[in-house]
């Protein structure tokens, strides 16, 4: 660990524990300074809005905070670039997302970490929270289960359900791609793309980028086994899940290094340090590098820039320029 990384680590620990523990709290929005306030906030006065909501459920948004309350919900199976660290260890991330909702949108959040890995049970638990919440933000649930969970919740719930790792990452990374291509003067329909990662974030990014004009035949996707290609054992056995099958290609490329050779764009939604300087050097002219693994990107900007001064690089970190994700 470098001195700078050690300093960041120490500062992060101190930030999270002092002066109060964690990053969020619940604060009353009405006065509670005398007996009358208490009689309005709780018994007997609280009975009137309860009965009104029973008669007309839409009044819940008038008399409670539900309409501005989002549940940030996870089971901790795919947390940032940290992986399957479990629900309790994911809590600082969920609190952090709650801070972002409140700071930048004025939306209140309950962070909810669930010790449940079964997709159908997760759907049942989350759907049962509908009376509490005005919306659901699914967070850091591993693929392919996350696709199923979001789909089933949207079918069952009457409030918005949004899987941040898919749609949030896809929107911002696609915006970065469009702007980057404009800067380097390349046609979105002609660029070659190499992708590291085939989880929820990567697949959602690719689906949106294809809708925006990227040629799906020009995309090579790598998972933990290398390039997803038609001669792979899992492809031949029909064991690829549907999302990976869409991006399975007939190609001689087998490794991420092969995929990046002559590529115009690299999209990383995978793990720290999987890209090296030689791989960046092999890319096409003025390459666009979206190294979005958190908290440590696939390649650090200073390494990428040293290898290819003409590259445009973005990461998911707020301590580097061009933060994406």
Protein backbone atom coordinates (compact mmCIF):
# COMPACT_ATOMS: atom_id res chain seq x y z
CA UNK A 1 0.00 0.00 0.00
CA UNK A 2 1.44 3.37 -1.04
CA UNK A 3 1.56 6.29 1.40
CA UNK A 4 -1.29 7.95 -0.54
CA UNK A 5 -3.42 4.80 -0.32
CA UNK A 6 -2.66 4.45 3.38
CA UNK A 7 -3.69 8.06 3.95
CA UNK A 8 -6.95 7.48 2.05
CA UNK A 9 -7.63 4.32 4.07
CA UNK A 10 -7.07 6.09 7.38
CA UNK A 11 -9.21 9.06 6.33
CA UNK A 12 -12.03 6.74 5.20
CA UNK A 13 -12.08 4.93 8.55
CA UNK A 14 -12.16 8.23 10.44
CA UNK A 15 -14.89 9.64 8.16
CA UNK A 16 -17.13 6.64 8.84
CA UNK A 17 -16.72 6.52 12.63
CA UNK A 18 -16.53 10.15 13.70
CA UNK A 19 -18.24 12.23 14.95
CA UNK A 20 -21.26 9.91 14.61
CA UNK A 21 -21.16 6.28 13.49
CA UNK A 22 -21.99 5.72 9.85
CA UNK A 23 -23.27 8.27 7.33
CA UNK A 24 -27.06 8.53 7.70
CA UNK A 25 -29.70 9.07 10.39
CA UNK A 26 -33.46 9.54 10.76
CA UNK A 27 -34.48 13.07 11.74
CA UNK A 28 -38.05 14.15 12.65
CA UNK A 29 -39.55 16.73 10.29
CA UNK A 30 -42.21 17.95 12.73
CA UNK A 31 -41.82 19.61 16.14
CA UNK A 32 -41.97 17.40 19.23
CA UNK A 33 -41.47 19.99 21.93
CA UNK A 34 -44.62 19.67 24.05
CA UNK A 35 -47.54 17.41 24.96
CA UNK A 36 -49.76 18.70 22.15
CA UNK A 37 -47.09 17.93 19.53
CA UNK A 38 -46.87 14.41 20.93
CA UNK A 39 -50.65 13.98 20.79
CA UNK A 40 -50.58 14.94 17.10
CA UNK A 41 -47.52 12.90 16.15
CA UNK A 42 -48.75 9.80 17.96
CA UNK A 43 -51.86 8.81 19.89
CA UNK A 44 -54.58 10.04 19.72
CA UNK A 45 -54.09 12.36 16.72
CA UNK A 46 -52.27 9.86 14.52
CA UNK A 47 -55.47 7.82 14.20
CA UNK A 48 -57.01 10.35 11.80
CA UNK A 49 -54.45 10.02 8.98
CA UNK A 50 -54.43 6.24 9.55
CA UNK A 51 -58.18 6.05 8.93
CA UNK A 52 -57.94 8.43 5.98
CA UNK A 53 -55.28 6.24 4.34
CA UNK A 54 -57.34 3.12 5.00
CA UNK A 55 -60.21 4.75 3.11
CA UNK A 56 -58.00 6.16 0.33
CA UNK A 57 -54.51 4.60 0.03
CA UNK A 58 -53.31 7.41 -2.25
CA UNK A 59 -53.34 9.71 0.80
CA UNK A 60 -50.26 7.88 2.14
CA UNK A 61 -48.18 10.29 0.06
CA UNK A 62 -50.03 13.24 1.61
CA UNK A 63 -49.78 12.26 5.26
CA UNK A 64 -46.55 10.20 5.40
CA UNK A 65 -43.01 10.38 4.00
CA UNK A 66 -43.60 7.35 1.77
CA UNK A 67 -43.77 9.30 -1.48
CA UNK A 68 -40.22 10.59 -1.04
CA UNK A 69 -38.74 7.42 0.47
CA UNK A 70 -36.62 4.97 -1.52
CA UNK A 71 -35.33 1.62 -0.31
CA UNK A 72 -31.73 0.96 -1.33
CA UNK A 73 -31.79 -2.82 -1.15
CA UNK A 74 -29.03 -5.41 -1.52
CA UNK A 75 -27.99 -8.90 -0.52
CA UNK A 76 -24.31 -8.03 -0.86
CA UNK A 77 -23.50 -10.55 -3.58
CA UNK A 78 -21.78 -8.19 -6.05
CA UNK A 79 -20.58 -5.11 -4.18
CA UNK A 80 -18.62 -2.61 -6.28
CA UNK A 81 -15.44 -4.41 -7.38
CA UNK A 82 -15.22 -6.11 -3.99
CA UNK A 83 -17.44 -9.01 -5.02
CA UNK A 84 -19.58 -11.22 -2.78
CA UNK A 85 -18.79 -9.64 0.60
CA UNK A 86 -22.22 -10.25 2.13
CA UNK A 87 -25.03 -7.98 3.34
CA UNK A 88 -23.43 -6.65 6.53
CA UNK A 89 -20.15 -5.64 4.87
CA UNK A 90 -22.13 -3.93 2.11
CA UNK A 91 -23.85 -1.55 4.54
CA UNK A 92 -21.31 1.32 4.16
CA UNK A 93 -21.96 1.28 0.41
CA UNK A 94 -25.73 1.36 0.86
CA UNK A 95 -25.44 4.23 3.35
CA UNK A 96 -23.25 6.03 0.83
CA UNK A 97 -25.86 5.62 -1.88
CA UNK A 98 -28.43 6.99 0.55
CA UNK A 99 -26.25 10.08 1.02
CA UNK A 100 -26.17 10.61 -2.75
CA UNK A 101 -29.95 10.37 -3.04
CA UNK A 102 -30.41 12.92 -0.25
CA UNK A 103 -27.65 15.34 -1.27
CA UNK A 104 -28.31 15.47 -5.00
CA UNK A 105 -32.05 14.74 -5.27
CA UNK A 106 -33.52 15.48 -1.84
CA UNK A 107 -34.83 11.90 -1.62
CA UNK A 108 -34.89 10.07 1.71
CA UNK A 109 -33.53 6.53 1.91
CA UNK A 110 -33.76 3.44 4.06
CA UNK A 111 -30.77 1.20 3.37
CA UNK A 112 -31.87 -2.43 3.61
CA UNK A 113 -29.33 -5.26 3.64
CA UNK A 114 -30.93 -8.69 3.31
CA UNK A 115 -29.33 -12.00 4.32
CA UNK A 116 -31.05 -13.92 1.54
CA UNK A 117 -29.57 -15.40 -1.65
CA UNK A 118 -32.59 -17.20 -3.09
CA UNK A 119 -34.01 -15.01 -5.90
CA UNK A 120 -37.65 -15.96 -5.31
CA UNK A 121 -37.39 -15.36 -1.57
CA UNK A 122 -35.73 -12.01 -2.23
CA UNK A 123 -38.60 -11.07 -4.53
CA UNK A 124 -41.11 -11.99 -1.83
CA UNK A 125 -39.27 -10.02 0.87
CA UNK A 126 -38.81 -6.89 -1.22
CA UNK A 127 -42.35 -6.96 -2.61
CA UNK A 128 -43.66 -7.16 0.96
CA UNK A 129 -41.98 -3.81 1.68
CA UNK A 130 -44.19 -1.95 -0.80
CA UNK A 131 -46.37 -0.28 1.88
CA UNK A 132 -43.23 1.29 3.37
CA UNK A 133 -41.53 2.61 0.25
CA UNK A 134 -42.20 4.97 -2.62
CA UNK A 135 -39.58 3.30 -4.80
CA UNK A 136 -36.97 0.54 -4.83
CA UNK A 137 -33.33 0.92 -5.85
CA UNK A 138 -31.79 -2.54 -6.20
CA UNK A 139 -28.07 -2.42 -5.55
CA UNK A 140 -25.11 -4.80 -5.84
CA UNK A 141 -27.02 -8.04 -6.52
CA UNK A 142 -25.07 -10.47 -8.68
CA UNK A 143 -25.97 -11.50 -12.21
CA UNK A 144 -27.86 -13.30 -13.61
CA UNK A 145 -30.16 -13.32 -10.55
CA UNK A 146 -30.47 -9.53 -10.61
CA UNK A 147 -32.20 -9.58 -14.01
CA UNK A 148 -34.81 -12.04 -12.77
CA UNK A 149 -35.34 -10.21 -9.48
CA UNK A 150 -35.88 -6.84 -11.15
CA UNK A 151 -38.26 -8.33 -13.73
CA UNK A 152 -40.39 -10.09 -11.12
CA UNK A 153 -40.52 -7.05 -8.83
CA UNK A 154 -41.63 -4.80 -11.69
CA UNK A 155 -44.42 -7.25 -12.43
CA UNK A 156 -45.57 -7.42 -8.80
CA UNK A 157 -45.05 -3.92 -7.43
CA UNK A 158 -46.94 -0.72 -8.21
CA UNK A 159 -43.99 1.53 -7.32
CA UNK A 160 -40.86 2.22 -9.40
CA UNK A 161 -38.17 -0.49 -9.29
CA UNK A 162 -34.72 0.44 -10.58
CA UNK A 163 -31.57 -1.69 -10.63
CA UNK A 164 -28.84 0.90 -10.29
CA UNK A 165 -25.95 -1.31 -11.36
CA UNK A 166 -27.67 -1.97 -14.67
CA UNK A 167 -29.44 1.20 -15.66
CA UNK A 168 -27.52 3.88 -13.77
CA UNK A 169 -24.16 2.60 -15.00
CA UNK A 170 -25.51 2.10 -18.52
CA UNK A 171 -26.83 5.66 -18.79
CA UNK A 172 -23.69 7.40 -17.57
CA UNK A 173 -21.22 5.17 -19.42
CA UNK A 174 -23.17 5.54 -22.67
CA UNK A 175 -23.08 9.31 -22.25
CA UNK A 176 -19.32 9.07 -21.74
CA UNK A 177 -18.98 6.94 -24.87
CA UNK A 178 -20.97 9.37 -27.02
CA UNK A 179 -18.98 12.36 -25.80
CA UNK A 180 -15.67 10.53 -26.14
CA UNK A 181 -16.41 9.48 -29.71
CA UNK A 182 -17.34 13.05 -30.57
CA UNK A 183 -13.99 14.26 -29.22
CA UNK A 184 -11.97 11.74 -31.24
CA UNK A 185 -14.16 11.97 -34.34
CA UNK A 186 -15.14 8.31 -34.60
CA UNK A 187 -18.44 6.85 -35.87
CA UNK A 188 -20.33 4.90 -33.20
CA UNK A 189 -21.40 2.35 -35.80
CA UNK A 190 -17.83 1.56 -36.80
CA UNK A 191 -15.95 1.33 -33.52
CA UNK A 192 -14.61 -1.95 -32.16
CA UNK A 193 -15.21 -2.56 -28.47
CA UNK A 194 -13.52 -4.85 -25.95
CA UNK A 195 -15.35 -5.53 -22.70
CA UNK A 196 -14.11 -6.97 -19.42
CA UNK A 197 -16.99 -8.29 -17.37
CA UNK A 198 -20.30 -9.91 -18.23
CA UNK A 199 -22.32 -9.13 -15.14
CA UNK A 200 -25.33 -6.88 -14.68
CA UNK A 201 -23.49 -3.60 -15.27
CA UNK A 202 -21.61 -4.72 -18.37
CA UNK A 203 -24.61 -6.31 -20.06
CA UNK A 204 -26.87 -3.33 -19.37
CA UNK A 205 -24.20 -0.95 -20.70
CA UNK A 206 -23.83 -3.01 -23.86
CA UNK A 207 -27.57 -3.30 -24.44
CA UNK A 208 -27.94 0.48 -24.28
CA UNK A 209 -24.82 1.14 -26.36
CA UNK A 210 -26.10 -1.22 -29.06
CA UNK A 211 -29.42 0.64 -29.04
CA UNK A 212 -27.45 3.86 -29.49
CA UNK A 213 -25.69 2.53 -32.59
CA UNK A 214 -22.73 0.34 -31.62
CA UNK A 215 -22.58 -2.65 -33.98
CA UNK A 216 -23.08 -5.76 -31.84
CA UNK A 217 -20.81 -7.72 -34.19
CA UNK A 218 -17.94 -5.38 -33.27
CA UNK A 219 -18.12 -6.22 -29.55
CA UNK A 220 -15.98 -8.86 -27.84
CA UNK A 221 -16.95 -9.62 -24.25
CA UNK A 222 -14.73 -11.36 -21.70
CA UNK A 223 -15.87 -13.00 -18.50
CA UNK A 224 -13.74 -14.86 -15.95
CA UNK A 225 -13.08 -17.59 -18.54
CA UNK A 226 -11.93 -15.24 -21.30
CA UNK A 227 -13.64 -14.18 -24.51
CA UNK A 228 -17.21 -15.44 -24.83
CA UNK A 229 -16.94 -17.28 -28.16
CA UNK A 230 -18.90 -19.95 -30.01
CA UNK A 231 -16.29 -22.70 -29.51
CA UNK A 232 -16.21 -22.43 -25.73
CA UNK A 233 -17.35 -25.53 -23.86
CA UNK A 234 -20.22 -23.75 -22.09
CA UNK A 235 -21.39 -22.24 -25.38
CA UNK A 236 -21.30 -25.61 -27.17
CA UNK A 237 -23.17 -27.21 -24.28
CA UNK A 238 -25.85 -24.51 -24.35
CA UNK A 239 -25.02 -23.43 -20.81
CA UNK A 240 -24.51 -19.72 -21.42
CA UNK A 241 -27.21 -17.61 -19.82
CA UNK A 242 -29.31 -15.54 -22.20
CA UNK A 243 -27.50 -12.28 -21.51
CA UNK A 244 -24.09 -13.78 -22.35
CA UNK A 245 -25.48 -15.64 -25.36
CA UNK A 246 -26.37 -12.31 -26.99
CA UNK A 247 -22.69 -11.34 -26.99
CA UNK A 248 -21.20 -14.73 -27.92
CA UNK A 249 -19.09 -14.35 -31.06
CA UNK A 250 -17.44 -16.53 -33.70
CA UNK A 251 -13.89 -15.24 -33.22
CA UNK A 252 -10.31 -16.41 -32.82
CA UNK A 253 -9.81 -14.05 -29.87
CA UNK A 254 -9.49 -15.92 -26.61
CA UNK A 255 -8.14 -13.48 -24.01
CA UNK A 256 -8.82 -9.91 -22.98
CA UNK A 257 -5.48 -8.97 -24.53
CA UNK A 258 -6.68 -10.46 -27.83
CA UNK A 259 -9.97 -8.58 -27.59
CA UNK A 260 -8.25 -5.26 -26.91
CA UNK A 261 -5.89 -5.51 -29.87
CA UNK A 262 -6.94 -2.72 -32.30
CA UNK A 263 -10.08 -1.94 -30.26
CA UNK A 264 -11.32 1.64 -30.25
CA UNK A 265 -13.13 1.34 -26.92
CA UNK A 266 -12.50 -0.60 -23.73
CA UNK A 267 -15.36 -1.01 -21.26
CA UNK A 268 -14.45 -2.46 -17.89
CA UNK A 269 -17.06 -3.57 -15.37
CA UNK A 270 -14.97 -6.27 -13.79
CA UNK A 271 -12.00 -6.25 -11.41
CA UNK A 272 -8.91 -4.32 -10.45
CA UNK A 273 -5.76 -4.45 -12.53
CA UNK A 274 -6.91 -6.78 -15.32
CA UNK A 275 -5.58 -4.39 -17.99
CA UNK A 276 -1.87 -3.62 -18.37
CA UNK A 277 0.10 -1.02 -20.32
CA UNK A 278 0.84 -3.37 -23.23
CA UNK A 279 -2.86 -4.06 -23.72
CA UNK A 280 -3.56 -0.33 -23.89
CA UNK A 281 -0.67 0.16 -26.34
CA UNK A 282 -2.26 -2.42 -28.67
CA UNK A 283 -5.51 -0.47 -28.99
CA UNK A 284 -6.50 1.68 -31.97
CA UNK A 285 -5.80 5.38 -32.34
CA UNK A 286 -7.11 7.69 -29.62
CA UNK A 287 -8.67 4.84 -27.64
CA UNK A 288 -11.48 5.43 -25.17
CA UNK A 289 -10.98 3.55 -21.91
CA UNK A 290 -13.88 3.26 -19.47
CA UNK A 291 -12.28 1.46 -16.52
CA UNK A 292 -15.25 1.39 -14.17
CA UNK A 293 -14.39 -1.26 -11.57
CA UNK A 294 -14.72 0.17 -8.06
CA UNK A 295 -12.93 1.00 -5.89
CA UNK A 296 -9.88 0.02 -7.97
CA UNK A 297 -10.18 0.34 -11.77
CA UNK A 298 -9.04 -2.19 -14.35
CA UNK A 299 -6.12 0.14 -15.04
CA UNK A 300 -5.07 3.34 -13.29
CA UNK A 301 -5.28 6.52 -15.40
CA UNK A 302 -1.61 7.37 -14.89
CA UNK A 303 -0.58 3.96 -16.26
CA UNK A 304 -2.93 4.21 -19.24
CA UNK A 305 -1.80 7.75 -20.05
CA UNK A 306 1.87 6.77 -19.82
CA UNK A 307 1.26 3.93 -22.27
CA UNK A 308 -1.00 5.91 -24.62
CA UNK A 309 -0.90 9.70 -24.19
CA UNK A 310 -3.65 9.94 -26.84
CA UNK A 311 -6.19 7.92 -24.84
CA UNK A 312 -9.29 9.24 -23.10
CA UNK A 313 -9.75 7.44 -19.80
CA UNK A 314 -12.56 7.51 -17.26
CA UNK A 315 -12.91 5.58 -14.01
CA UNK A 316 -15.52 5.10 -11.30
CA UNK A 317 -13.43 6.99 -8.74
CA UNK A 318 -14.17 10.49 -7.53
CA UNK A 319 -10.49 11.25 -6.90
CA UNK A 320 -9.65 11.11 -10.63
CA UNK A 321 -10.93 13.32 -13.48
CA UNK A 322 -13.67 11.92 -15.73
CA UNK A 323 -15.62 10.01 -13.09
CA UNK A 324 -18.10 7.64 -14.69
CA UNK A 325 -20.25 5.18 -12.68
